[in-house]
Every structure is written in C-alpha cells, then in structure tokens.
N, C-alpha and C. Protein backbone atom coordinates (compact mmCIF):
# COMPACT_ATOMS: atom_id res chain seq x y z
N MET A 1 95.53 95.32 172.40
CA MET A 1 95.70 94.59 171.15
C MET A 1 95.31 95.51 169.99
N ALA A 2 96.21 95.64 169.01
CA ALA A 2 95.96 96.55 167.90
C ALA A 2 94.90 95.98 166.97
N GLN A 3 94.08 96.90 166.47
CA GLN A 3 93.03 96.50 165.54
C GLN A 3 93.50 96.73 164.11
N THR A 4 93.15 95.79 163.24
CA THR A 4 93.49 95.92 161.82
C THR A 4 92.47 96.82 161.14
N GLU A 5 92.99 97.84 160.45
CA GLU A 5 92.08 98.78 159.77
C GLU A 5 91.58 98.16 158.48
N VAL A 6 90.28 98.15 158.33
CA VAL A 6 89.66 97.58 157.13
C VAL A 6 89.27 98.71 156.19
N PRO A 7 89.75 98.72 154.95
CA PRO A 7 89.41 99.79 154.02
C PRO A 7 87.91 99.85 153.82
N SER A 8 87.40 101.06 153.80
CA SER A 8 85.96 101.24 153.61
C SER A 8 85.57 101.04 152.17
N THR A 9 84.28 100.81 151.95
CA THR A 9 83.76 100.65 150.59
C THR A 9 83.96 101.92 149.79
N ALA A 10 83.83 103.07 150.46
CA ALA A 10 84.01 104.36 149.78
C ALA A 10 85.43 104.51 149.27
N ASN A 11 86.43 104.08 150.11
CA ASN A 11 87.83 104.18 149.68
C ASN A 11 88.11 103.27 148.50
N ASN A 12 87.55 102.07 148.52
CA ASN A 12 87.72 101.13 147.40
C ASN A 12 87.14 101.72 146.11
N LYS A 13 85.99 102.35 146.25
CA LYS A 13 85.34 102.94 145.09
C LYS A 13 86.17 104.09 144.54
N GLU A 14 86.73 104.91 145.46
CA GLU A 14 87.55 106.05 145.03
C GLU A 14 88.82 105.57 144.33
N THR A 15 89.43 104.50 144.86
CA THR A 15 90.63 103.94 144.24
C THR A 15 90.33 103.41 142.85
N SER A 16 89.20 102.74 142.69
CA SER A 16 88.80 102.20 141.40
C SER A 16 88.59 103.31 140.38
N GLN A 17 87.95 104.40 140.81
CA GLN A 17 87.71 105.53 139.92
C GLN A 17 89.02 106.19 139.51
N THR A 18 89.96 106.29 140.47
CA THR A 18 91.26 106.89 140.17
C THR A 18 92.01 106.08 139.13
N LYS A 19 91.99 104.76 139.26
CA LYS A 19 92.67 103.89 138.29
C LYS A 19 92.05 104.05 136.91
N PHE A 20 90.72 104.20 136.85
CA PHE A 20 90.06 104.37 135.56
C PHE A 20 90.46 105.70 134.93
N ILE A 21 90.49 106.77 135.73
CA ILE A 21 90.86 108.09 135.22
C ILE A 21 92.30 108.10 134.75
N ASP A 22 93.18 107.34 135.43
CA ASP A 22 94.59 107.29 135.05
C ASP A 22 94.79 106.82 133.62
N HIS A 23 93.85 106.03 133.10
CA HIS A 23 93.96 105.57 131.72
C HIS A 23 93.93 106.74 130.75
N PHE A 24 93.32 107.86 131.17
CA PHE A 24 93.17 109.00 130.28
C PHE A 24 94.16 110.11 130.60
N GLU A 25 95.09 109.88 131.52
CA GLU A 25 96.02 110.91 131.96
C GLU A 25 96.83 111.47 130.80
N TRP A 26 97.22 110.60 129.89
CA TRP A 26 98.14 110.99 128.82
C TRP A 26 97.49 111.82 127.73
N ILE A 27 96.15 111.94 127.69
CA ILE A 27 95.51 112.72 126.63
C ILE A 27 95.06 114.09 127.11
N ARG A 28 95.57 114.54 128.26
CA ARG A 28 95.24 115.87 128.72
C ARG A 28 95.91 116.94 127.86
N GLY A 29 95.43 118.16 128.00
CA GLY A 29 95.85 119.24 127.10
C GLY A 29 97.33 119.56 127.11
N ASN A 30 98.06 119.26 128.18
CA ASN A 30 99.48 119.60 128.21
C ASN A 30 100.34 118.58 127.48
N ASN A 31 99.73 117.58 126.88
CA ASN A 31 100.47 116.59 126.10
C ASN A 31 100.45 117.00 124.63
N SER A 32 101.62 117.29 124.06
CA SER A 32 101.70 117.80 122.70
C SER A 32 101.46 116.73 121.65
N ASN A 33 101.41 115.47 122.04
CA ASN A 33 101.27 114.38 121.08
C ASN A 33 99.83 113.89 120.95
N ILE A 34 98.87 114.75 121.26
CA ILE A 34 97.48 114.35 121.13
C ILE A 34 97.06 114.28 119.67
N HIS A 35 97.42 115.30 118.91
CA HIS A 35 96.98 115.44 117.53
C HIS A 35 98.06 114.98 116.55
N GLU A 36 97.65 114.33 115.47
CA GLU A 36 98.57 113.90 114.43
C GLU A 36 98.04 114.36 113.08
N PHE A 37 98.93 114.91 112.24
CA PHE A 37 98.56 115.36 110.91
C PHE A 37 99.41 114.63 109.89
N HIS A 38 98.77 114.01 108.90
CA HIS A 38 99.45 113.14 107.95
C HIS A 38 99.26 113.65 106.52
N VAL A 39 100.27 113.42 105.70
CA VAL A 39 100.16 113.52 104.24
C VAL A 39 100.37 112.11 103.70
N VAL A 40 99.37 111.58 102.99
CA VAL A 40 99.38 110.16 102.60
C VAL A 40 99.12 110.03 101.10
N GLY A 41 99.89 109.17 100.46
CA GLY A 41 99.68 108.84 99.06
C GLY A 41 99.67 107.34 98.86
N GLY A 42 98.73 106.84 98.04
CA GLY A 42 98.63 105.40 97.83
C GLY A 42 98.26 105.04 96.41
N TYR A 43 98.51 103.78 96.06
CA TYR A 43 98.20 103.31 94.70
C TYR A 43 97.81 101.84 94.72
N SER A 44 96.80 101.51 93.93
CA SER A 44 96.39 100.12 93.72
C SER A 44 96.64 99.76 92.26
N PHE A 45 97.44 98.73 92.04
CA PHE A 45 97.83 98.36 90.68
C PHE A 45 96.71 97.65 89.93
N HIS A 46 95.79 97.05 90.65
CA HIS A 46 94.67 96.40 89.97
C HIS A 46 93.55 96.16 90.98
N SER A 47 92.35 96.14 90.47
CA SER A 47 91.20 95.75 91.29
C SER A 47 90.91 94.28 91.05
N SER A 48 90.16 93.69 91.96
CA SER A 48 89.88 92.26 91.86
C SER A 48 88.40 91.99 92.06
N ARG A 49 87.94 90.91 91.52
CA ARG A 49 86.57 90.47 91.77
C ARG A 49 86.59 89.76 93.12
N GLY A 50 86.54 90.57 94.18
CA GLY A 50 86.75 90.07 95.53
C GLY A 50 85.48 89.76 96.28
N PHE A 51 85.47 90.12 97.57
CA PHE A 51 84.34 89.80 98.43
C PHE A 51 83.06 90.46 97.93
N TRP A 52 83.16 91.74 97.55
CA TRP A 52 81.97 92.47 97.09
C TRP A 52 82.13 93.00 95.67
N GLY A 53 83.32 93.48 95.33
CA GLY A 53 83.53 94.12 94.03
C GLY A 53 83.49 93.16 92.87
N LYS A 54 82.98 93.64 91.73
CA LYS A 54 82.85 92.81 90.52
C LYS A 54 83.61 93.38 89.34
N ILE A 55 84.32 94.50 89.52
CA ILE A 55 85.01 95.15 88.41
C ILE A 55 86.51 94.84 88.49
N PRO A 56 87.07 94.12 87.52
CA PRO A 56 88.52 93.85 87.51
C PRO A 56 89.28 94.90 86.72
N LYS A 57 90.60 94.82 86.75
CA LYS A 57 91.48 95.65 85.93
C LYS A 57 91.27 97.15 86.14
N GLY A 58 91.12 97.55 87.39
CA GLY A 58 90.98 98.97 87.70
C GLY A 58 92.15 99.45 88.55
N ASN A 59 92.82 100.50 88.09
CA ASN A 59 93.91 101.11 88.86
C ASN A 59 93.36 102.29 89.66
N LEU A 60 93.91 102.52 90.85
CA LEU A 60 93.43 103.59 91.71
C LEU A 60 94.60 104.32 92.35
N GLY A 61 94.61 105.65 92.20
CA GLY A 61 95.60 106.50 92.86
C GLY A 61 94.90 107.46 93.81
N VAL A 62 95.47 107.61 95.02
CA VAL A 62 94.85 108.46 96.04
C VAL A 62 95.91 109.33 96.70
N LEU A 63 95.59 110.60 96.87
CA LEU A 63 96.44 111.52 97.63
C LEU A 63 95.57 112.21 98.66
N GLY A 64 95.96 112.15 99.94
CA GLY A 64 95.07 112.67 100.96
C GLY A 64 95.78 113.27 102.16
N LEU A 65 94.97 113.93 102.98
CA LEU A 65 95.40 114.48 104.26
C LEU A 65 94.62 113.76 105.35
N ARG A 66 95.31 113.35 106.40
CA ARG A 66 94.67 112.57 107.46
C ARG A 66 94.91 113.23 108.82
N TYR A 67 93.90 113.11 109.66
CA TYR A 67 93.99 113.61 111.04
C TYR A 67 93.71 112.47 112.00
N ASN A 68 94.62 112.27 112.97
CA ASN A 68 94.44 111.27 114.03
C ASN A 68 94.35 111.95 115.39
N ARG A 69 93.47 111.46 116.21
CA ARG A 69 93.32 111.97 117.58
C ARG A 69 93.38 110.79 118.54
N LYS A 70 94.38 110.77 119.42
CA LYS A 70 94.49 109.71 120.40
C LYS A 70 93.34 109.83 121.40
N ILE A 71 92.62 108.74 121.62
CA ILE A 71 91.46 108.81 122.50
C ILE A 71 91.52 107.84 123.68
N LEU A 72 92.38 106.82 123.60
CA LEU A 72 92.39 105.83 124.67
C LEU A 72 93.67 105.01 124.62
N GLU A 73 94.09 104.50 125.76
CA GLU A 73 95.22 103.59 125.79
C GLU A 73 94.79 102.27 126.43
N LEU A 74 95.47 101.21 126.05
CA LEU A 74 95.19 99.88 126.59
C LEU A 74 96.40 99.41 127.39
N ASN A 75 96.21 99.24 128.70
CA ASN A 75 97.26 98.72 129.60
C ASN A 75 98.55 99.53 129.54
N ASN A 76 98.40 100.83 129.24
CA ASN A 76 99.55 101.73 129.17
C ASN A 76 100.59 101.28 128.14
N ILE A 77 100.15 100.52 127.14
CA ILE A 77 101.06 99.99 126.12
C ILE A 77 100.60 100.36 124.72
N HIS A 78 99.33 100.13 124.41
CA HIS A 78 98.80 100.36 123.08
C HIS A 78 97.88 101.59 123.08
N THR A 79 97.67 102.18 121.91
CA THR A 79 96.81 103.34 121.80
C THR A 79 95.71 103.11 120.78
N ILE A 80 94.55 103.68 121.04
CA ILE A 80 93.43 103.68 120.11
C ILE A 80 93.21 105.12 119.66
N GLU A 81 93.08 105.32 118.36
CA GLU A 81 92.96 106.67 117.81
C GLU A 81 91.73 106.79 116.92
N TYR A 82 91.12 107.97 116.97
CA TYR A 82 90.08 108.32 115.99
C TYR A 82 90.78 108.83 114.74
N VAL A 83 90.28 108.45 113.56
CA VAL A 83 90.92 108.82 112.30
C VAL A 83 89.90 109.41 111.34
N SER A 84 90.24 110.52 110.72
CA SER A 84 89.44 111.07 109.62
C SER A 84 90.39 111.46 108.50
N GLU A 85 89.91 111.37 107.27
CA GLU A 85 90.80 111.59 106.13
C GLU A 85 90.07 112.34 105.02
N LEU A 86 90.77 113.28 104.38
CA LEU A 86 90.27 113.98 103.20
C LEU A 86 91.11 113.58 102.01
N ASN A 87 90.50 112.88 101.06
CA ASN A 87 91.20 112.47 99.85
C ASN A 87 91.05 113.59 98.82
N ILE A 88 92.06 114.44 98.72
CA ILE A 88 91.96 115.61 97.86
C ILE A 88 92.07 115.26 96.38
N SER A 89 92.60 114.10 96.07
CA SER A 89 92.70 113.64 94.69
C SER A 89 92.49 112.14 94.62
N VAL A 90 91.48 111.73 93.84
CA VAL A 90 91.17 110.31 93.62
C VAL A 90 91.08 110.07 92.13
N HIS A 91 91.73 109.03 91.64
CA HIS A 91 91.70 108.77 90.21
C HIS A 91 91.64 107.26 89.93
N TYR A 92 90.54 106.83 89.30
CA TYR A 92 90.38 105.46 88.84
C TYR A 92 90.66 105.40 87.34
N SER A 93 91.31 104.34 86.91
CA SER A 93 91.51 104.05 85.50
C SER A 93 91.01 102.63 85.23
N LEU A 94 89.90 102.50 84.49
CA LEU A 94 89.29 101.20 84.23
C LEU A 94 89.59 100.76 82.81
N SER A 95 90.12 99.55 82.67
CA SER A 95 90.38 98.98 81.34
C SER A 95 89.17 98.20 80.86
N PRO A 96 88.95 98.13 79.53
CA PRO A 96 87.84 97.33 79.00
C PRO A 96 87.99 95.86 79.38
N THR A 97 86.89 95.22 79.72
CA THR A 97 86.89 93.80 80.06
C THR A 97 85.71 93.12 79.39
N LYS A 98 85.61 91.81 79.56
CA LYS A 98 84.49 91.06 79.00
C LYS A 98 83.19 91.33 79.76
N PHE A 99 83.30 91.94 80.93
CA PHE A 99 82.12 92.25 81.72
C PHE A 99 81.52 93.56 81.22
N GLU A 100 80.24 93.70 81.30
CA GLU A 100 79.54 94.84 80.73
C GLU A 100 79.51 96.03 81.70
N TYR A 101 80.71 96.48 82.05
CA TYR A 101 80.84 97.66 82.89
C TYR A 101 81.66 98.70 82.14
N GLY A 102 81.65 99.92 82.62
CA GLY A 102 82.32 101.00 81.91
C GLY A 102 83.83 100.91 81.95
N SER A 103 84.47 101.77 81.18
CA SER A 103 85.93 101.88 81.16
C SER A 103 86.28 103.36 80.97
N GLY A 104 87.56 103.69 81.19
CA GLY A 104 87.99 105.06 81.04
C GLY A 104 88.57 105.62 82.32
N GLU A 105 88.65 106.95 82.37
CA GLU A 105 89.25 107.65 83.50
C GLU A 105 88.18 108.31 84.35
N PHE A 106 88.32 108.20 85.67
CA PHE A 106 87.36 108.78 86.62
C PHE A 106 88.14 109.55 87.69
N SER A 107 87.93 110.85 87.76
CA SER A 107 88.63 111.69 88.73
C SER A 107 87.63 112.30 89.70
N GLY A 108 88.08 112.52 90.93
CA GLY A 108 87.20 113.11 91.93
C GLY A 108 87.91 113.33 93.25
N PHE A 109 87.13 113.31 94.32
CA PHE A 109 87.67 113.50 95.66
C PHE A 109 86.85 112.65 96.63
N GLY A 110 87.26 112.59 97.87
CA GLY A 110 86.53 111.79 98.84
C GLY A 110 86.93 112.10 100.27
N GLY A 111 86.33 111.37 101.18
CA GLY A 111 86.64 111.55 102.59
C GLY A 111 86.23 110.35 103.40
N THR A 112 86.88 110.16 104.53
CA THR A 112 86.50 109.09 105.47
C THR A 112 86.35 109.73 106.85
N PRO A 113 85.15 110.23 107.16
CA PRO A 113 84.96 110.92 108.45
C PRO A 113 84.93 110.02 109.66
N LEU A 114 84.77 108.72 109.46
CA LEU A 114 84.68 107.81 110.59
C LEU A 114 85.69 106.68 110.45
N GLY A 115 86.69 106.68 111.34
CA GLY A 115 87.69 105.63 111.30
C GLY A 115 88.37 105.47 112.65
N PHE A 116 88.96 104.29 112.86
CA PHE A 116 89.67 104.01 114.11
C PHE A 116 90.95 103.26 113.79
N GLN A 117 91.97 103.51 114.62
CA GLN A 117 93.27 102.88 114.44
C GLN A 117 93.81 102.47 115.80
N ILE A 118 94.45 101.30 115.86
CA ILE A 118 95.12 100.86 117.09
C ILE A 118 96.61 100.69 116.78
N ASN A 119 97.44 101.36 117.57
CA ASN A 119 98.89 101.24 117.48
C ASN A 119 99.40 100.34 118.60
N LEU A 120 100.23 99.38 118.25
CA LEU A 120 100.77 98.43 119.22
C LEU A 120 102.14 98.89 119.69
N GLY A 121 102.29 99.05 121.00
CA GLY A 121 103.58 99.45 121.56
C GLY A 121 103.85 100.92 121.37
N LYS A 122 103.14 101.77 122.11
CA LYS A 122 103.21 103.22 121.86
C LYS A 122 104.59 103.81 122.16
N ARG A 123 105.44 103.11 122.91
CA ARG A 123 106.77 103.62 123.23
C ARG A 123 107.85 103.06 122.32
N ASN A 124 107.47 102.19 121.39
CA ASN A 124 108.46 101.58 120.50
C ASN A 124 108.77 102.49 119.31
N VAL A 125 109.95 102.35 118.78
CA VAL A 125 110.34 103.12 117.59
C VAL A 125 109.53 102.66 116.38
N ILE A 126 109.31 101.35 116.26
CA ILE A 126 108.48 100.79 115.18
C ILE A 126 107.18 100.28 115.79
N GLN A 127 106.06 100.82 115.32
CA GLN A 127 104.76 100.49 115.89
C GLN A 127 103.84 99.90 114.81
N PRO A 128 103.54 98.61 114.87
CA PRO A 128 102.52 98.04 113.98
C PRO A 128 101.16 98.65 114.31
N PHE A 129 100.31 98.77 113.29
CA PHE A 129 98.98 99.31 113.54
C PHE A 129 97.95 98.63 112.64
N PHE A 130 96.70 98.68 113.09
CA PHE A 130 95.56 98.21 112.33
C PHE A 130 94.55 99.35 112.23
N LYS A 131 93.91 99.48 111.06
CA LYS A 131 93.04 100.63 110.83
C LYS A 131 91.83 100.23 110.00
N THR A 132 90.68 100.82 110.33
CA THR A 132 89.48 100.64 109.53
C THR A 132 88.73 101.96 109.46
N SER A 133 88.05 102.23 108.34
CA SER A 133 87.32 103.48 108.19
C SER A 133 86.25 103.33 107.13
N THR A 134 85.32 104.28 107.12
CA THR A 134 84.25 104.30 106.13
C THR A 134 84.01 105.73 105.71
N GLY A 135 83.59 105.90 104.44
CA GLY A 135 83.38 107.25 103.93
C GLY A 135 82.75 107.26 102.56
N PHE A 136 83.24 108.14 101.66
CA PHE A 136 82.62 108.34 100.36
C PHE A 136 83.65 108.79 99.33
N MET A 137 83.26 108.68 98.05
CA MET A 137 84.01 109.26 96.94
C MET A 137 83.02 109.89 95.96
N TYR A 138 83.41 111.02 95.40
CA TYR A 138 82.55 111.73 94.45
C TYR A 138 83.34 111.99 93.17
N PHE A 139 82.75 111.64 92.02
CA PHE A 139 83.42 111.75 90.73
C PHE A 139 82.73 112.76 89.82
N LYS A 140 83.43 113.18 88.78
CA LYS A 140 82.89 114.15 87.84
C LYS A 140 81.82 113.54 86.95
N ARG A 141 81.83 112.20 86.82
CA ARG A 141 80.80 111.52 86.04
C ARG A 141 80.44 110.21 86.72
N PRO A 142 79.29 109.63 86.38
CA PRO A 142 78.85 108.40 87.06
C PRO A 142 79.87 107.27 86.92
N PHE A 143 80.01 106.52 87.97
CA PHE A 143 80.95 105.38 88.02
C PHE A 143 80.15 104.09 88.15
N PRO A 144 80.44 103.04 87.35
CA PRO A 144 81.48 102.92 86.32
C PRO A 144 81.01 103.35 84.93
N ASP A 145 79.71 103.64 84.77
CA ASP A 145 79.18 104.19 83.53
C ASP A 145 77.90 104.96 83.87
N GLU A 146 77.12 105.31 82.86
CA GLU A 146 75.93 106.15 83.10
C GLU A 146 74.88 105.45 83.97
N ARG A 147 74.99 104.17 84.14
CA ARG A 147 74.04 103.45 84.99
C ARG A 147 74.40 103.54 86.47
N GLY A 148 75.60 104.04 86.76
CA GLY A 148 76.05 104.16 88.14
C GLY A 148 75.73 105.52 88.73
N ARG A 149 76.55 105.94 89.71
CA ARG A 149 76.33 107.21 90.39
C ARG A 149 77.66 107.96 90.52
N LYS A 150 77.55 109.30 90.60
CA LYS A 150 78.74 110.10 90.88
C LYS A 150 79.18 109.93 92.33
N PHE A 151 78.21 109.78 93.23
CA PHE A 151 78.49 109.65 94.65
C PHE A 151 78.50 108.17 95.02
N ASN A 152 79.60 107.73 95.66
CA ASN A 152 79.75 106.34 96.06
C ASN A 152 80.24 106.25 97.51
N PHE A 153 79.98 105.10 98.12
CA PHE A 153 80.39 104.86 99.50
C PHE A 153 81.64 103.98 99.53
N THR A 154 82.44 104.12 100.59
CA THR A 154 83.68 103.35 100.70
C THR A 154 83.78 102.69 102.07
N LEU A 155 84.51 101.58 102.07
CA LEU A 155 84.84 100.86 103.31
C LEU A 155 86.24 100.31 103.14
N GLU A 156 87.10 100.48 104.14
CA GLU A 156 88.47 100.00 104.02
C GLU A 156 88.97 99.42 105.34
N LEU A 157 89.85 98.44 105.19
CA LEU A 157 90.41 97.73 106.33
C LEU A 157 91.85 97.36 106.01
N GLY A 158 92.76 97.64 106.95
CA GLY A 158 94.15 97.31 106.68
C GLY A 158 95.05 97.56 107.86
N GLY A 159 96.33 97.68 107.57
CA GLY A 159 97.31 97.89 108.63
C GLY A 159 98.66 98.25 108.04
N GLY A 160 99.65 98.35 108.92
CA GLY A 160 100.99 98.71 108.48
C GLY A 160 101.91 98.91 109.64
N VAL A 161 102.97 99.69 109.41
CA VAL A 161 103.93 100.01 110.45
C VAL A 161 104.22 101.50 110.42
N GLU A 162 104.41 102.06 111.60
CA GLU A 162 104.78 103.46 111.75
C GLU A 162 106.15 103.54 112.39
N TYR A 163 107.07 104.22 111.72
CA TYR A 163 108.45 104.36 112.20
C TYR A 163 108.63 105.75 112.80
N MET A 164 108.93 105.80 114.09
CA MET A 164 109.06 107.07 114.80
C MET A 164 110.46 107.63 114.57
N ILE A 165 110.56 108.58 113.66
CA ILE A 165 111.86 109.18 113.34
C ILE A 165 112.31 110.10 114.48
N SER A 166 111.38 110.86 115.03
CA SER A 166 111.67 111.72 116.17
C SER A 166 110.41 111.84 117.01
N GLN A 167 110.45 112.65 118.04
CA GLN A 167 109.31 112.80 118.93
C GLN A 167 108.12 113.46 118.22
N ASN A 168 108.39 114.21 117.16
CA ASN A 168 107.34 114.96 116.48
C ASN A 168 107.20 114.60 115.00
N PHE A 169 107.78 113.46 114.60
CA PHE A 169 107.79 113.13 113.17
C PHE A 169 107.88 111.62 113.00
N SER A 170 107.09 111.08 112.06
CA SER A 170 107.14 109.64 111.79
C SER A 170 106.90 109.36 110.31
N PHE A 171 107.23 108.14 109.92
CA PHE A 171 107.07 107.67 108.53
C PHE A 171 106.23 106.40 108.55
N THR A 172 105.27 106.30 107.63
CA THR A 172 104.33 105.18 107.63
C THR A 172 104.34 104.42 106.32
N LEU A 173 104.28 103.09 106.43
CA LEU A 173 104.05 102.21 105.29
C LEU A 173 102.83 101.35 105.63
N GLY A 174 101.89 101.25 104.67
CA GLY A 174 100.68 100.51 104.99
C GLY A 174 100.01 99.90 103.78
N TYR A 175 99.03 99.05 104.09
CA TYR A 175 98.19 98.40 103.07
C TYR A 175 96.74 98.46 103.55
N LYS A 176 95.80 98.64 102.59
CA LYS A 176 94.39 98.58 102.95
C LYS A 176 93.57 97.98 101.81
N TYR A 177 92.62 97.15 102.21
CA TYR A 177 91.65 96.58 101.27
C TYR A 177 90.52 97.59 101.16
N HIS A 178 90.30 98.11 99.97
CA HIS A 178 89.39 99.24 99.76
C HIS A 178 88.21 98.83 98.88
N HIS A 179 87.01 98.98 99.42
CA HIS A 179 85.79 98.67 98.66
C HIS A 179 85.01 99.96 98.39
N MET A 180 84.49 100.07 97.17
CA MET A 180 83.64 101.21 96.80
C MET A 180 82.43 100.74 96.01
N SER A 181 81.25 101.26 96.33
CA SER A 181 80.03 100.95 95.60
C SER A 181 79.01 102.05 95.85
N ASN A 182 77.92 102.07 95.08
CA ASN A 182 76.90 103.11 95.26
C ASN A 182 75.75 102.68 96.16
N PHE A 183 75.89 101.53 96.81
CA PHE A 183 74.91 101.05 97.79
C PHE A 183 73.52 100.92 97.16
N PHE A 184 73.50 100.47 95.89
CA PHE A 184 72.27 100.20 95.16
C PHE A 184 71.43 101.45 94.92
N LEU A 185 72.09 102.61 94.87
CA LEU A 185 71.39 103.84 94.50
C LEU A 185 71.39 104.05 92.99
N GLY A 186 72.26 103.35 92.27
CA GLY A 186 72.28 103.42 90.82
C GLY A 186 71.52 102.28 90.19
N THR A 187 71.41 102.33 88.86
CA THR A 187 70.76 101.24 88.13
C THR A 187 71.55 99.95 88.27
N ILE A 188 72.88 100.07 88.30
CA ILE A 188 73.76 98.93 88.58
C ILE A 188 74.65 99.28 89.77
N ASN A 189 75.11 98.25 90.45
CA ASN A 189 75.98 98.45 91.62
C ASN A 189 77.02 97.33 91.68
N PRO A 190 77.94 97.30 90.68
CA PRO A 190 78.91 96.19 90.68
C PRO A 190 79.94 96.31 91.79
N GLY A 191 80.30 97.54 92.17
CA GLY A 191 81.33 97.72 93.19
C GLY A 191 82.73 97.42 92.67
N ILE A 192 83.72 97.93 93.36
CA ILE A 192 85.10 97.68 92.97
C ILE A 192 85.96 97.53 94.22
N ASP A 193 86.79 96.49 94.24
CA ASP A 193 87.68 96.19 95.38
C ASP A 193 89.12 96.41 94.95
N SER A 194 89.85 97.23 95.70
CA SER A 194 91.23 97.56 95.37
C SER A 194 92.17 97.23 96.51
N ASN A 195 93.39 96.87 96.16
CA ASN A 195 94.45 96.62 97.14
C ASN A 195 95.41 97.80 97.10
N ILE A 196 95.28 98.70 98.07
CA ILE A 196 96.03 99.95 98.06
C ILE A 196 97.26 99.84 98.97
N PHE A 197 98.42 100.13 98.39
CA PHE A 197 99.65 100.24 99.15
C PHE A 197 99.97 101.73 99.28
N TYR A 198 100.26 102.18 100.50
CA TYR A 198 100.43 103.62 100.69
C TYR A 198 101.58 103.93 101.63
N THR A 199 102.01 105.17 101.54
CA THR A 199 103.06 105.66 102.41
C THR A 199 102.71 107.09 102.82
N GLY A 200 103.28 107.55 103.92
CA GLY A 200 102.96 108.88 104.38
C GLY A 200 103.92 109.36 105.45
N ILE A 201 103.84 110.66 105.73
CA ILE A 201 104.62 111.27 106.79
C ILE A 201 103.65 111.88 107.80
N THR A 202 104.05 111.90 109.07
CA THR A 202 103.20 112.38 110.15
C THR A 202 103.92 113.43 110.96
N ILE A 203 103.18 114.52 111.29
CA ILE A 203 103.69 115.56 112.17
C ILE A 203 102.82 115.57 113.42
N PHE A 204 103.43 115.47 114.60
CA PHE A 204 102.71 115.47 115.86
C PHE A 204 102.60 116.89 116.40
C-alpha cells in the first residue's frame, strides 16, 4: 500500500520564504525601470484658510526635479515608491488682506526628502496614483513678514494619473494639497494652505 508523502515543516517554511522573496523579484538590478526621474511644474491660483493655514489670497508657483525609486509591489498589480523632490524654484505672491499678515513677493527653493507614492495597476497605460511627502522651503526673507521665518516646513497630500507614453517615458497630471508653516519657530505661525495643480514628464 502506497504511503502519502507529507510535506515537512522545513519545506513549508522554504516555500513561504520563496513567495515572500518573489514580491521583490522585479526590483533587482537587471530591471531598467527601477529609477524614475521627473521634471515637474505646478501652480496654485489661491491659498485658502483651510485645515491649518490662515493666509488667503496667496499664489504659488513651483518648478522641481523629482526622483522615484520603486521599493515594493502589492499582489503583483500595484507599486509603492519612495519619492524625493528638489524644488529649484519656489515663488509665493501674497495680496494684502484684512488679516494682519505680510504681502508681496517671496522667492526661494525647497525640497521634500521623505515621500511615498502608490501607483495602481503597474501594467496599465493609465495609472492612477496617490502621493504624500514632507519637507521644507527656504526664502530670501522671512515669510509672511518679519515676524516669521526664512525656513519653513511643508506637508503635502494628493494624487493624479500617469500616462505611459512608452516603456521609458510618461506624462503626469496631478493635484496636491500643500501646507507650509514655520512650526512655531517664528513670532507668528499663521501657515498657508495651497491647492497645487501640476504636470510633469518622467524618464525611466
């Protein structure tokens, strides 16, 4: 009478480890689509007295370079990416208001060294995504007036769609809710909330 072979605990453990490692198969060095380099430009037509920000009527223009690194996949369908961004040009324009905050032009630069993005449907031509990041902005003079600080912190949350034009090139349209404040390091900390609409191109 034939005996039924029962898989050993060691074999089960090895199979489980193999399945876990398979999740990372696509990010090995021979995959050319690990790194993504973006040129991104965005604009906010007005700021709002939102969740944290208290300064209205502020326009914001941003031009930046972004780097994405694929770090994980979910069910072989979606991807999670690490994101960092260098805002080489940042410009706020504040209009006078009834509130006792500054007005005028504020130019500087910034960066978001810590961010994450999830792309839905990594094999689709059009991929919706969600993104969040945190960083800083530095201006030539204190923001929003002399009671503020040149150095400010940022937090942003948003999403959009990425259109895969070719295997090594894509086009992005997105929106992000952008908050900036000095984290109570200045005499005042009104903060400013902007609705930024942006577009960009990506090279893989």
